């Protein structure tokens, strides 16, 4: 299972923001939270916890939530406290894009924000929609704005 390196633990404990994402929920994000000492380091930290959520997920060979609210519930099972912010890509693919995505076994996350109304939600366009990923040029100003709140 491994343990958090002392240098990494020190950075986590002194951070202003712990940003979770991008990546698949189970194999990229939650997997990093399972490392020994990670939860304790995050508990000690006074950092804000934020989750950056893209639009897309692979449907072939992956399991997991297809709804934003379910992703948040699942992720928070592994965190020492609730998320301070959920940063969501607001882009909605066209019908043609949806067909192309389905042919490539890529699903679009259902943004069911109704159940998350009491949460800090930052909804902006920061995706690289051709690559089904996140565009760092678009995401950077969103994160700077959030850090200034």
C-alpha atoms as a PDB file:
ATOM      1  CA  UNK A   1       0.000   0.000   0.000  1.00  0.00           C
ATOM      2  CA  UNK A   2       2.939   2.365   0.494  1.00  0.00           C
ATOM      3  CA  UNK A   3       3.209   5.490   2.604  1.00  0.00           C
ATOM      4  CA  UNK A   4       3.368   9.179   1.888  1.00  0.00           C
ATOM      5  CA  UNK A   5       6.930  10.428   1.560  1.00  0.00           C
ATOM      6  CA  UNK A   6       7.903  12.861   4.343  1.00  0.00           C
ATOM      7  CA  UNK A   7       8.528  15.621   1.774  1.00  0.00           C
ATOM      8  CA  UNK A   8       5.080  15.130   0.248  1.00  0.00           C
ATOM      9  CA  UNK A   9       3.451  15.062   3.677  1.00  0.00           C
ATOM     10  CA  UNK A  10       5.116  18.380   4.567  1.00  0.00           C
ATOM     11  CA  UNK A  11       3.816  19.980   1.370  1.00  0.00           C
ATOM     12  CA  UNK A  12       0.285  18.665   1.954  1.00  0.00           C
ATOM     13  CA  UNK A  13       0.254  19.850   5.557  1.00  0.00           C
ATOM     14  CA  UNK A  14       1.394  23.375   4.603  1.00  0.00           C
ATOM     15  CA  UNK A  15      -0.740  23.755   1.447  1.00  0.00           C
ATOM     16  CA  UNK A  16      -3.397  26.412   0.932  1.00  0.00           C
ATOM     17  CA  UNK A  17      -5.271  24.255  -1.561  1.00  0.00           C
ATOM     18  CA  UNK A  18      -5.389  20.526  -2.222  1.00  0.00           C
ATOM     19  CA  UNK A  19      -6.671  20.043  -5.729  1.00  0.00           C
ATOM     20  CA  UNK A  20      -8.115  16.643  -6.631  1.00  0.00           C
ATOM     21  CA  UNK A  21      -8.336  15.805 -10.338  1.00  0.00           C
ATOM     22  CA  UNK A  22      -7.994  15.327 -13.181  1.00  0.00           C
ATOM     23  CA  UNK A  23      -8.283  11.674 -13.860  1.00  0.00           C
ATOM     24  CA  UNK A  24     -10.574   8.748 -13.373  1.00  0.00           C
ATOM     25  CA  UNK A  25     -12.287   8.672 -10.003  1.00  0.00           C
ATOM     26  CA  UNK A  26     -11.085   5.270  -8.799  1.00  0.00           C
ATOM     27  CA  UNK A  27      -7.788   4.627 -10.551  1.00  0.00           C
ATOM     28  CA  UNK A  28      -6.336   8.138 -10.447  1.00  0.00           C
ATOM     29  CA  UNK A  29      -7.942  10.158  -7.680  1.00  0.00           C
ATOM     30  CA  UNK A  30      -9.125   7.763  -4.974  1.00  0.00           C
ATOM     31  CA  UNK A  31      -6.073   5.536  -5.496  1.00  0.00           C
ATOM     32  CA  UNK A  32      -3.798   8.412  -4.390  1.00  0.00           C
ATOM     33  CA  UNK A  33      -5.891   8.886  -1.255  1.00  0.00           C
ATOM     34  CA  UNK A  34      -5.337   5.273  -0.178  1.00  0.00           C
ATOM     35  CA  UNK A  35      -1.604   5.715   0.352  1.00  0.00           C
ATOM     36  CA  UNK A  36      -0.691   5.253   4.007  1.00  0.00           C
ATOM     37  CA  UNK A  37      -0.573   8.547   5.898  1.00  0.00           C
ATOM     38  CA  UNK A  38      -2.381  10.527   3.175  1.00  0.00           C
ATOM     39  CA  UNK A  39      -5.613  10.948   5.111  1.00  0.00           C
ATOM     40  CA  UNK A  40      -3.693  11.946   8.241  1.00  0.00           C
ATOM     41  CA  UNK A  41      -1.665  14.527   6.291  1.00  0.00           C
ATOM     42  CA  UNK A  42      -4.851  15.972   4.811  1.00  0.00           C
ATOM     43  CA  UNK A  43      -6.464  16.035   8.264  1.00  0.00           C
ATOM     44  CA  UNK A  44      -3.524  18.006   9.656  1.00  0.00           C
ATOM     45  CA  UNK A  45      -3.580  20.435   6.724  1.00  0.00           C
ATOM     46  CA  UNK A  46      -5.662  23.617   6.830  1.00  0.00           C
ATOM     47  CA  UNK A  47      -5.896  23.603   3.022  1.00  0.00           C
ATOM     48  CA  UNK A  48      -9.127  23.957   1.119  1.00  0.00           C
ATOM     49  CA  UNK A  49     -10.118  20.764  -0.680  1.00  0.00           C
ATOM     50  CA  UNK A  50     -11.331  21.193  -4.249  1.00  0.00           C
ATOM     51  CA  UNK A  51     -12.297  18.643  -6.879  1.00  0.00           C
ATOM     52  CA  UNK A  52     -11.894  19.532 -10.561  1.00  0.00           C
ATOM     53  CA  UNK A  53     -14.449  17.580 -12.543  1.00  0.00           C
ATOM     54  CA  UNK A  54     -14.261  17.122 -16.287  1.00  0.00           C
ATOM     55  CA  UNK A  55     -17.082  16.121 -18.581  1.00  0.00           C
ATOM     56  CA  UNK A  56     -16.028  12.703 -19.749  1.00  0.00           C
ATOM     57  CA  UNK A  57     -15.377   9.194 -18.508  1.00  0.00           C
ATOM     58  CA  UNK A  58     -14.489   5.940 -20.206  1.00  0.00           C
ATOM     59  CA  UNK A  59     -17.326   3.447 -20.274  1.00  0.00           C
ATOM     60  CA  UNK A  60     -15.367   0.393 -21.386  1.00  0.00           C
ATOM     61  CA  UNK A  61     -13.483  -1.321 -18.579  1.00  0.00           C
ATOM     62  CA  UNK A  62     -14.343   1.217 -15.890  1.00  0.00           C
ATOM     63  CA  UNK A  63     -16.994   1.192 -13.268  1.00  0.00           C
ATOM     64  CA  UNK A  64     -18.244   4.043 -11.258  1.00  0.00           C
ATOM     65  CA  UNK A  65     -20.656   6.892 -11.064  1.00  0.00           C
ATOM     66  CA  UNK A  66     -22.075   8.549 -14.155  1.00  0.00           C
ATOM     67  CA  UNK A  67     -23.628  11.375 -12.094  1.00  0.00           C
ATOM     68  CA  UNK A  68     -21.748  14.263 -10.499  1.00  0.00           C
ATOM     69  CA  UNK A  69     -23.526  13.904  -7.141  1.00  0.00           C
ATOM     70  CA  UNK A  70     -22.523  10.234  -6.971  1.00  0.00           C
ATOM     71  CA  UNK A  71     -18.897  11.112  -7.786  1.00  0.00           C
ATOM     72  CA  UNK A  72     -18.855  13.614  -4.922  1.00  0.00           C
ATOM     73  CA  UNK A  73     -20.424  11.141  -2.486  1.00  0.00           C
ATOM     74  CA  UNK A  74     -17.953   8.436  -3.452  1.00  0.00           C
ATOM     75  CA  UNK A  75     -14.903  10.708  -3.309  1.00  0.00           C
ATOM     76  CA  UNK A  76     -15.829  12.118   0.094  1.00  0.00           C
ATOM     77  CA  UNK A  77     -15.892   8.598   1.553  1.00  0.00           C
ATOM     78  CA  UNK A  78     -12.089   8.729   1.295  1.00  0.00           C
ATOM     79  CA  UNK A  79     -11.532  12.307   2.476  1.00  0.00           C
ATOM     80  CA  UNK A  80     -11.094  13.507   6.061  1.00  0.00           C
ATOM     81  CA  UNK A  81     -13.642  16.294   5.504  1.00  0.00           C
ATOM     82  CA  UNK A  82     -16.142  17.438   2.871  1.00  0.00           C
ATOM     83  CA  UNK A  83     -14.934  19.214  -0.233  1.00  0.00           C
ATOM     84  CA  UNK A  84     -14.761  22.994   0.029  1.00  0.00           C
ATOM     85  CA  UNK A  85     -15.420  23.458  -3.686  1.00  0.00           C
ATOM     86  CA  UNK A  86     -16.445  21.489  -6.722  1.00  0.00           C
ATOM     87  CA  UNK A  87     -15.094  22.932  -9.964  1.00  0.00           C
ATOM     88  CA  UNK A  88     -17.101  21.693 -12.934  1.00  0.00           C
ATOM     89  CA  UNK A  89     -16.641  22.069 -16.681  1.00  0.00           C
ATOM     90  CA  UNK A  90     -19.900  23.555 -17.966  1.00  0.00           C
ATOM     91  CA  UNK A  91     -19.504  22.577 -21.628  1.00  0.00           C
ATOM     92  CA  UNK A  92     -22.313  20.433 -23.014  1.00  0.00           C
ATOM     93  CA  UNK A  93     -21.393  18.336 -26.054  1.00  0.00           C
ATOM     94  CA  UNK A  94     -23.549  18.590 -29.160  1.00  0.00           C
ATOM     95  CA  UNK A  95     -25.635  15.654 -30.410  1.00  0.00           C
ATOM     96  CA  UNK A  96     -22.962  14.899 -33.014  1.00  0.00           C
ATOM     97  CA  UNK A  97     -20.241  14.931 -30.373  1.00  0.00           C
ATOM     98  CA  UNK A  98     -22.309  12.591 -28.195  1.00  0.00           C
ATOM     99  CA  UNK A  99     -22.531  10.070 -31.045  1.00  0.00           C
ATOM    100  CA  UNK A 100     -18.762  10.268 -31.628  1.00  0.00           C
ATOM    101  CA  UNK A 101     -18.080   9.866 -27.912  1.00  0.00           C
ATOM    102  CA  UNK A 102     -20.345   6.819 -27.633  1.00  0.00           C
ATOM    103  CA  UNK A 103     -18.537   5.200 -30.569  1.00  0.00           C
ATOM    104  CA  UNK A 104     -15.279   5.612 -28.615  1.00  0.00           C
ATOM    105  CA  UNK A 105     -16.777   4.217 -25.359  1.00  0.00           C
ATOM    106  CA  UNK A 106     -16.696   7.624 -23.693  1.00  0.00           C
ATOM    107  CA  UNK A 107     -19.598   8.786 -21.553  1.00  0.00           C
ATOM    108  CA  UNK A 108     -20.583  12.273 -20.498  1.00  0.00           C
ATOM    109  CA  UNK A 109     -20.953  12.927 -16.781  1.00  0.00           C
ATOM    110  CA  UNK A 110     -24.501  13.856 -15.812  1.00  0.00           C
ATOM    111  CA  UNK A 111     -24.254  17.167 -13.946  1.00  0.00           C
ATOM    112  CA  UNK A 112     -27.073  16.657 -11.475  1.00  0.00           C
ATOM    113  CA  UNK A 113     -26.294  19.709  -9.364  1.00  0.00           C
ATOM    114  CA  UNK A 114     -29.698  19.808  -7.646  1.00  0.00           C
ATOM    115  CA  UNK A 115     -28.460  17.659  -4.770  1.00  0.00           C
ATOM    116  CA  UNK A 116     -25.335  19.800  -4.457  1.00  0.00           C
ATOM    117  CA  UNK A 117     -27.034  23.185  -4.007  1.00  0.00           C
ATOM    118  CA  UNK A 118     -25.599  23.692  -0.531  1.00  0.00           C
ATOM    119  CA  UNK A 119     -22.072  23.211  -1.894  1.00  0.00           C
ATOM    120  CA  UNK A 120     -19.634  25.736  -3.372  1.00  0.00           C
ATOM    121  CA  UNK A 121     -19.859  25.062  -7.086  1.00  0.00           C
ATOM    122  CA  UNK A 122     -17.671  26.810  -9.630  1.00  0.00           C
ATOM    123  CA  UNK A 123     -19.019  26.066 -13.079  1.00  0.00           C
ATOM    124  CA  UNK A 124     -16.809  27.303 -15.925  1.00  0.00           C
ATOM    125  CA  UNK A 125     -15.725  26.235 -19.393  1.00  0.00           C
ATOM    126  CA  UNK A 126     -12.211  24.823 -19.002  1.00  0.00           C
ATOM    127  CA  UNK A 127     -12.265  21.716 -21.141  1.00  0.00           C
ATOM    128  CA  UNK A 128     -10.204  20.757 -24.130  1.00  0.00           C
ATOM    129  CA  UNK A 129     -13.211  19.325 -25.883  1.00  0.00           C
ATOM    130  CA  UNK A 130     -11.359  17.830 -28.841  1.00  0.00           C
ATOM    131  CA  UNK A 131      -9.184  15.747 -26.529  1.00  0.00           C
ATOM    132  CA  UNK A 132     -11.937  15.157 -23.920  1.00  0.00           C
ATOM    133  CA  UNK A 133      -9.636  16.558 -21.265  1.00  0.00           C
ATOM    134  CA  UNK A 134      -8.932  19.796 -19.452  1.00  0.00           C
ATOM    135  CA  UNK A 135      -7.272  22.834 -20.990  1.00  0.00           C
ATOM    136  CA  UNK A 136      -4.686  24.239 -18.549  1.00  0.00           C
ATOM    137  CA  UNK A 137      -4.898  27.673 -20.224  1.00  0.00           C
ATOM    138  CA  UNK A 138      -8.629  27.828 -19.422  1.00  0.00           C
ATOM    139  CA  UNK A 139      -8.386  26.142 -16.018  1.00  0.00           C
ATOM    140  CA  UNK A 140      -5.619  28.335 -14.550  1.00  0.00           C
ATOM    141  CA  UNK A 141      -7.744  31.535 -14.302  1.00  0.00           C
ATOM    142  CA  UNK A 142     -10.606  29.545 -12.765  1.00  0.00           C
ATOM    143  CA  UNK A 143      -8.268  28.246 -10.039  1.00  0.00           C
ATOM    144  CA  UNK A 144      -6.742  31.707  -9.466  1.00  0.00           C
ATOM    145  CA  UNK A 145     -10.227  33.163  -9.032  1.00  0.00           C
ATOM    146  CA  UNK A 146     -11.203  30.416  -6.601  1.00  0.00           C
ATOM    147  CA  UNK A 147      -8.027  30.881  -4.541  1.00  0.00           C
ATOM    148  CA  UNK A 148      -8.861  34.574  -4.182  1.00  0.00           C
ATOM    149  CA  UNK A 149     -12.274  33.832  -2.613  1.00  0.00           C
END
